[in-house]
Protein backbone atom coordinates (compact mmCIF):
# COMPACT_ATOMS: atom_id res chain seq x y z
CA MET A 1 6.81 20.22 -4.51
CA LYS A 2 8.44 16.87 -4.37
CA LEU A 3 11.47 15.71 -2.41
CA ASP A 4 13.68 12.87 -3.32
CA PHE A 5 16.12 11.15 -0.98
CA SER A 6 18.20 8.61 -2.62
CA ARG A 7 20.82 6.02 -1.35
CA ARG A 8 23.46 8.50 -2.67
CA LYS A 9 22.29 11.22 -0.37
CA PHE A 10 22.54 8.70 2.49
CA ILE A 11 26.11 8.29 1.72
CA LEU A 12 26.78 12.05 1.21
CA TYR A 13 25.14 13.20 4.41
CA GLY A 14 25.48 10.07 6.54
CA SER A 15 22.06 10.38 8.11
CA ALA A 16 18.52 10.25 6.68
CA THR A 17 17.13 12.74 9.20
CA PHE A 18 19.85 15.35 8.63
CA ALA A 19 19.59 15.13 4.83
CA THR A 20 15.88 15.36 5.03
CA SER A 21 16.05 18.47 7.22
CA LEU A 22 18.37 20.11 4.70
CA LEU A 23 16.12 19.15 1.76
CA LEU A 24 12.99 20.26 3.43
CA LYS A 25 14.57 23.56 4.46
CA ALA A 26 15.89 24.22 0.95
CA CYS A 27 12.54 23.38 -0.51
CA SER A 28 10.58 25.67 1.87
CA SER A 29 12.94 28.55 1.15
CA ASN A 30 12.71 28.21 -2.64
CA GLN A 31 10.47 31.12 -3.45
CA SER A 32 10.54 30.43 -7.14
CA THR A 33 8.40 27.21 -6.59
CA PRO A 34 4.84 28.05 -7.75
CA PRO A 35 2.07 27.30 -5.36
CA THR A 36 0.14 23.98 -5.85
CA VAL A 37 -3.30 25.43 -4.90
CA SER A 38 -5.12 28.53 -5.91
CA SER A 39 -4.19 31.82 -4.34
CA GLY A 40 -5.84 32.46 -1.00
CA GLU A 41 -6.28 28.82 -0.18
CA GLU A 42 -4.01 27.37 2.46
CA SER A 43 -1.72 24.69 1.17
CA PHE A 44 -2.51 21.09 2.26
CA LYS A 45 0.76 19.31 2.73
CA ILE A 46 1.18 15.55 2.64
CA ALA A 47 4.43 13.52 3.19
CA ILE A 48 5.22 9.80 3.11
CA ALA A 49 8.04 7.85 4.61
CA LEU A 50 9.06 4.74 2.72
CA PRO A 51 11.24 1.82 3.81
CA GLY A 52 12.44 0.93 0.30
CA VAL A 53 12.78 2.44 -3.14
CA ILE A 54 9.95 3.93 -5.24
CA THR A 55 11.01 1.79 -8.21
CA ASP A 56 10.65 -1.58 -6.59
CA GLN A 57 7.46 -2.49 -8.61
CA ALA A 58 5.87 -3.49 -5.35
CA TRP A 59 5.18 -2.08 -1.93
CA ASN A 60 7.09 1.25 -1.94
CA GLN A 61 6.28 2.12 -5.50
CA SER A 62 2.57 1.74 -4.68
CA GLY A 63 3.00 4.11 -1.70
CA TYR A 64 4.79 6.73 -3.86
CA GLU A 65 2.13 6.37 -6.53
CA GLY A 66 -0.58 7.03 -3.78
CA LEU A 67 1.23 10.32 -2.91
CA THR A 68 1.34 11.32 -6.54
CA ARG A 69 -2.34 10.48 -6.98
CA ALA A 70 -3.18 12.53 -3.81
CA LYS A 71 -1.18 15.44 -5.26
CA GLN A 72 -3.02 15.42 -8.63
CA LYS A 73 -6.44 15.03 -6.94
CA LEU A 74 -6.15 17.43 -4.13
CA GLY A 75 -3.57 19.93 -5.49
CA ALA A 76 -1.51 19.08 -2.36
CA GLU A 77 2.19 19.95 -1.70
CA VAL A 78 3.97 16.68 -1.25
CA ALA A 79 7.32 15.23 -0.01
CA TYR A 80 8.66 11.74 0.19
CA VAL A 81 11.73 10.03 1.71
CA GLU A 82 12.71 6.59 0.56
CA GLN A 83 14.96 3.95 2.08
CA VAL A 84 14.18 4.98 5.60
CA ALA A 85 16.03 2.79 8.08
CA GLN A 86 14.30 1.83 11.36
CA ALA A 87 16.74 3.85 13.40
CA ASP A 88 15.79 6.98 11.45
CA GLN A 89 11.99 6.63 11.68
CA THR A 90 11.24 8.77 14.79
CA GLU A 91 13.39 11.70 13.66
CA LEU A 92 12.17 11.67 10.10
CA LEU A 93 8.43 11.77 11.17
CA THR A 94 9.30 14.46 13.72
CA ASP A 95 11.01 16.46 10.92
CA PHE A 96 7.86 16.29 8.69
CA ALA A 97 5.64 17.37 11.59
CA ARG A 98 7.86 20.29 12.43
CA LYS A 99 7.81 21.41 8.83
CA GLY A 100 4.03 21.76 9.02
CA TYR A 101 2.80 18.77 7.02
CA ASN A 102 -0.84 18.21 7.73
CA LEU A 103 -0.75 14.41 6.87
CA VAL A 104 2.11 12.01 7.24
CA PHE A 105 1.88 8.44 5.88
CA ALA A 106 4.44 5.89 7.23
CA HIS A 107 4.39 3.14 4.69
CA GLY A 108 4.79 -0.17 6.69
CA GLY A 109 3.76 -1.72 10.04
CA GLN A 110 7.42 -1.37 11.09
CA PHE A 111 6.64 2.37 11.76
CA ASP A 112 4.10 1.75 14.52
CA ALA A 113 6.33 2.47 17.41
CA ALA A 114 7.65 5.61 15.72
CA ILE A 115 4.21 6.86 15.08
CA GLU A 116 3.20 6.34 18.65
CA GLN A 117 6.16 8.21 19.85
CA VAL A 118 5.88 11.20 17.70
CA ALA A 119 2.06 11.77 17.24
CA ALA A 120 1.37 12.93 20.75
CA GLN A 121 3.99 15.76 20.35
CA PHE A 122 2.33 17.14 17.15
CA PRO A 123 -1.51 17.14 17.52
CA ASN A 124 -1.91 19.26 14.46
CA THR A 125 -0.42 16.60 12.19
CA PHE A 126 -2.38 13.42 11.35
CA PHE A 127 -0.29 10.30 11.06
CA VAL A 128 -1.39 7.27 9.11
CA GLY A 129 0.38 3.88 9.35
CA VAL A 130 -0.06 1.84 6.25
CA ASN A 131 -0.36 -1.71 7.41
CA GLY A 132 -0.31 -0.34 10.85
CA ASN A 133 -2.16 -1.34 14.09
CA ASN A 134 -2.41 2.11 15.78
CA GLN A 135 -5.27 4.45 16.36
CA GLY A 136 -5.73 7.59 18.38
CA ASN A 137 -6.62 11.21 18.33
CA ASN A 138 -4.33 11.99 15.37
CA ILE A 139 -3.44 8.46 14.33
CA ALA A 140 -5.06 6.17 11.88
CA SER A 141 -4.04 2.93 10.24
CA LEU A 142 -4.74 1.83 6.61
CA ARG A 143 -4.87 -1.80 6.05
CA ILE A 144 -5.73 -3.98 3.13
CA ASP A 145 -7.45 -7.17 4.28
CA HIS A 146 -4.44 -9.32 3.35
CA LEU A 147 -6.15 -12.37 4.57
CA GLN A 148 -8.89 -12.25 1.95
CA GLY A 149 -6.42 -11.87 -0.98
CA SER A 150 -4.18 -14.66 0.32
CA TYR A 151 -7.13 -16.92 0.97
CA LEU A 152 -7.89 -16.90 -2.75
CA CYS A 153 -4.21 -17.65 -3.59
CA GLY A 154 -4.26 -20.47 -1.11
CA ILE A 155 -7.24 -22.01 -2.99
CA ILE A 156 -5.20 -21.75 -6.21
CA GLY A 157 -2.08 -23.08 -4.70
CA ALA A 158 -3.62 -26.18 -3.17
CA ALA A 159 -5.18 -27.02 -6.56
CA ILE A 160 -1.90 -26.65 -8.39
CA THR A 161 0.67 -28.23 -5.91
CA LYS A 162 1.81 -31.78 -6.68
CA SER A 163 3.91 -32.18 -3.49
CA ASN A 164 1.18 -30.91 -1.09
CA LYS A 165 3.78 -28.54 0.32
CA LEU A 166 3.39 -24.75 0.03
CA ALA A 167 5.54 -22.03 1.40
CA TYR A 168 5.26 -18.42 2.47
CA ILE A 169 8.14 -15.88 2.35
CA ALA A 170 8.09 -12.36 3.75
CA GLY A 171 10.45 -9.70 5.00
CA GLN A 172 9.33 -9.42 8.55
CA GLU A 173 6.81 -11.05 10.94
CA PHE A 174 4.21 -8.64 12.14
CA PRO A 175 0.45 -8.54 12.18
CA ALA A 176 -0.13 -7.93 8.41
CA THR A 177 2.25 -10.72 7.45
CA GLN A 178 0.82 -13.00 9.97
CA GLU A 179 -2.64 -12.21 8.67
CA GLU A 180 -1.64 -12.91 5.10
CA LEU A 181 0.00 -16.24 6.09
CA ARG A 182 -3.26 -17.22 7.91
CA GLY A 183 -5.32 -16.47 4.82
CA PHE A 184 -3.05 -18.50 2.69
CA GLU A 185 -3.27 -21.50 5.11
CA LEU A 186 -7.14 -21.16 5.39
CA GLY A 187 -7.54 -21.09 1.57
CA ALA A 188 -5.21 -24.03 0.95
CA LYS A 189 -6.73 -26.17 3.71
CA SER A 190 -10.21 -25.43 2.33
CA VAL A 191 -9.13 -27.48 -0.63
CA LYS A 192 -6.73 -29.99 0.84
CA PRO A 193 -7.07 -30.20 4.71
CA ASN A 194 -3.86 -31.99 5.20
CA ILE A 195 -1.69 -29.72 3.06
CA GLN A 196 1.71 -28.46 4.56
CA ILE A 197 2.45 -24.76 4.71
CA THR A 198 5.95 -23.58 5.69
CA SER A 199 6.83 -19.94 6.43
CA THR A 200 10.09 -18.06 6.56
CA PHE A 201 11.04 -14.38 7.15
CA THR A 202 14.18 -13.12 5.57
CA GLY A 203 14.59 -10.08 7.81
CA ASP A 204 15.01 -7.81 4.82
CA TRP A 205 12.35 -6.70 2.32
CA ASN A 206 14.87 -5.60 -0.32
CA ASP A 207 17.86 -8.11 -0.29
CA PRO A 208 17.66 -10.26 -3.48
CA ALA A 209 20.33 -12.63 -2.25
CA LYS A 210 18.49 -13.40 1.05
CA ALA A 211 15.27 -13.78 -0.98
CA LYS A 212 16.78 -16.25 -3.42
CA GLU A 213 18.56 -18.23 -0.63
CA ALA A 214 15.26 -18.56 1.27
CA THR A 215 13.41 -19.61 -1.84
CA LEU A 216 15.91 -22.33 -2.84
CA ALA A 217 15.96 -23.59 0.71
CA LEU A 218 12.07 -23.99 0.68
CA ILE A 219 12.12 -25.60 -2.76
CA SER A 220 14.80 -28.07 -1.47
CA THR A 221 12.25 -29.18 1.15
CA GLY A 222 9.66 -30.08 -1.54
CA ALA A 223 7.65 -26.80 -1.72
CA ASP A 224 6.44 -26.35 -5.27
CA VAL A 225 4.19 -23.30 -4.79
CA ILE A 226 5.48 -20.19 -2.99
CA TYR A 227 3.57 -17.12 -1.83
CA GLN A 228 5.88 -14.21 -1.38
CA TRP A 229 5.53 -10.74 0.05
CA LEU A 230 8.77 -8.75 -0.48
CA ASP A 231 9.60 -5.46 -2.00
CA SER A 232 12.69 -4.95 -4.24
CA ALA A 233 13.55 -8.66 -3.38
CA SER A 234 10.37 -10.13 -4.82
CA PRO A 235 11.59 -10.67 -8.43
CA ALA A 236 14.38 -12.87 -6.83
CA VAL A 237 11.84 -15.12 -5.48
CA LEU A 238 9.78 -15.33 -8.68
CA GLN A 239 12.85 -15.87 -10.89
CA ALA A 240 14.22 -18.53 -8.71
CA ALA A 241 10.93 -20.31 -8.71
CA SER A 242 10.86 -20.12 -12.50
CA ASP A 243 14.40 -21.46 -12.80
CA LYS A 244 13.46 -24.42 -10.63
CA GLY A 245 10.21 -25.15 -12.40
CA VAL A 246 7.95 -24.43 -9.46
CA TYR A 247 5.13 -21.88 -9.04
CA ALA A 248 4.81 -18.58 -7.13
CA PHE A 249 2.45 -15.72 -6.50
CA GLY A 250 2.99 -12.03 -7.08
CA ASN A 251 2.09 -9.52 -4.52
CA THR A 252 0.94 -5.86 -4.34
CA LYS A 253 1.55 -5.19 -8.14
CA ASP A 254 0.52 -7.57 -10.93
CA GLN A 255 3.87 -9.34 -11.26
CA LEU A 256 2.96 -11.89 -13.88
CA ASP A 257 5.39 -10.33 -16.39
CA ILE A 258 8.37 -10.73 -14.04
CA ALA A 259 8.21 -14.60 -14.43
CA PRO A 260 5.46 -15.63 -16.67
CA LYS A 261 6.16 -19.27 -16.44
CA ALA A 262 6.16 -19.32 -12.62
CA VAL A 263 3.51 -16.73 -11.56
CA LEU A 264 0.12 -18.16 -11.02
CA THR A 265 -1.57 -14.80 -10.25
CA SER A 266 -0.93 -11.88 -7.93
CA ALA A 267 -2.57 -10.49 -4.90
CA VAL A 268 -3.01 -6.88 -6.38
CA LYS A 269 -3.20 -4.17 -3.68
CA ARG A 270 -3.96 -0.77 -5.14
CA LEU A 271 -2.55 1.17 -2.21
CA ASP A 272 -2.25 4.19 -4.38
CA ILE A 273 -6.01 4.44 -4.54
CA ALA A 274 -6.38 3.71 -0.88
CA ILE A 275 -3.82 6.35 0.14
CA ALA A 276 -5.45 9.01 -2.00
CA TYR A 277 -8.79 8.15 -0.52
CA LEU A 278 -7.63 8.67 3.07
CA ALA A 279 -5.81 11.86 2.01
CA GLU A 280 -9.05 13.20 0.68
CA LEU A 281 -10.74 12.41 3.92
CA ALA A 282 -7.97 14.21 5.81
CA LYS A 283 -8.30 17.31 3.62
CA GLN A 284 -12.04 17.36 4.28
CA LYS A 285 -11.30 16.91 8.03
CA GLN A 286 -13.27 13.74 7.94
CA LEU A 287 -10.34 11.34 8.80
CA GLN A 288 -10.88 9.51 12.05
CA GLY A 289 -8.55 8.10 14.60
CA GLN A 290 -9.40 4.50 13.63
CA ILE A 291 -8.11 1.42 11.67
CA TYR A 292 -9.45 1.60 8.01
CA THR A 293 -9.49 -1.93 6.60
CA ILE A 294 -10.28 -2.45 2.93
CA GLY A 295 -11.07 -5.86 1.48
CA LEU A 296 -12.46 -7.50 -1.67
CA GLU A 297 -15.67 -5.39 -1.51
CA ARG A 298 -13.41 -2.72 -3.08
CA ALA A 299 -12.43 -4.36 -6.35
CA ASP A 300 -10.55 -1.27 -7.42
CA ILE A 301 -8.21 -1.69 -4.38
CA LEU A 302 -7.94 -5.51 -3.63
CA SER A 303 -8.21 -8.01 -6.48
CA LEU A 304 -6.48 -10.99 -8.18
CA GLY A 305 -4.18 -10.11 -11.09
CA LYS A 306 -3.94 -11.78 -14.40
CA PHE A 307 -3.79 -15.56 -14.26
CA GLY A 308 -0.74 -17.26 -15.51
CA ALA A 309 -0.88 -20.23 -18.08
CA GLY A 310 -0.43 -22.78 -15.18
CA VAL A 311 -3.80 -22.05 -13.79
CA PRO A 312 -6.58 -24.16 -15.38
CA GLN A 313 -9.85 -22.51 -16.25
CA SER A 314 -11.68 -24.53 -13.43
CA VAL A 315 -9.33 -23.39 -10.81
CA GLN A 316 -9.71 -19.78 -11.87
CA GLN A 317 -13.45 -20.21 -11.64
CA ASN A 318 -13.19 -21.71 -8.13
CA ALA A 319 -11.14 -18.79 -6.91
CA LEU A 320 -13.40 -16.24 -8.45
CA LYS A 321 -16.40 -17.95 -6.85
CA ALA A 322 -14.80 -17.78 -3.53
CA LYS A 323 -14.03 -14.07 -4.13
CA GLN A 324 -17.67 -13.38 -4.81
CA ASP A 325 -18.69 -15.44 -1.64
CA ILE A 326 -16.57 -13.26 0.38
CA VAL A 327 -17.91 -10.08 -1.13
CA ASP A 328 -21.46 -11.44 -0.54
CA GLN A 329 -20.59 -12.44 3.04
CA LYS A 330 -21.32 -16.04 2.37
CA ILE A 331 -17.66 -16.66 3.56
CA LEU A 332 -16.81 -14.79 6.72
CA PHE A 333 -13.54 -14.58 8.65
CA LYS A 334 -14.27 -14.29 12.45
CA LYS A 335 -11.87 -13.89 15.25
CA CYS A 336 -11.10 -17.16 16.92
CA GLN A 337 -8.37 -18.88 19.03
CA GLU A 338 -6.27 -21.66 17.66
CA ALA A 339 -3.47 -23.39 19.54
CA GLY A 340 -3.92 -20.74 22.22
CA LYS A 341 -3.41 -17.80 19.85
CA ASP A 342 -5.82 -15.21 18.58
CA THR A 343 -6.46 -15.53 14.81
CA ARG A 344 -9.24 -15.61 12.33
CA CYS A 345 -11.31 -18.62 11.25
CA ILE A 346 -13.73 -19.25 8.46
CA LYS A 347 -17.45 -19.11 9.04
CA GLN A 348 -19.59 -20.08 6.09
CA VAL A 349 -23.15 -18.78 5.99
């Protein structure tokens, strides 16, 4: 069973939570829907809350694909709600728990506060924050090691830039984006110690106009390689870079095809596989209240995408060697302090 909650329903009902309650109630009362598991076996129910749309070819689509993969693999009953505004997060997660969902994914670090607020009230529901920073009795976090992927892109960006000015654009500043920015800096400075990296946060993962405006502003300061992490707005960055003759990186999905002249490569994050993996653990009652961090050691989950024509073979080889050194633990990223702040630094073995 699958629930869709489109922008049109937002307008119709005026509230994400109210609409979701109606949809869940209607779905649960539909006796004609066939069971998704064999007779006599209790249904395992999984839901996911998504901040954007499932067709963004980026973050939200990967979350939805994880739900679909879990349904196919586990025979689970599933539901999803897209375009969840921050103001609606708590009520939506509460609604899922009240409807008896065994496992609820909240697809973004911006859900952390809502998870903390709701989880204690529903001990029989396990909540997973994707990109989150929470852990508890019935709370886990699923995190890709964004620093590892962006480190490789930093190596490539530093080798390609002619202005020695790189830029990073994301929707919001929180631990996952800070981690990714740090990796990009470390990778670039391992090639050119004096390189400049400028960062900006648009405040909206899905607004193409804001993304394009931020991209053009960074290009006007001399940045000629841009690393972006956005959702529906990511094509606006890649296309603006292409129009201006500079380079950029894809994120989450392999985004080379969006702007082939501009994209150097992509930090590919197979969150669909990671989400299905945690769902399987949950069904087997093996999911723990901890932070699950997955890095380059799982090549099926974190990897570089196809290389664009702008990346020379020698640069590709350097990046892939660094990738293998990370997997072999010849390059480690250890906790450290820099400028009075907790971060991670490189330790080479």
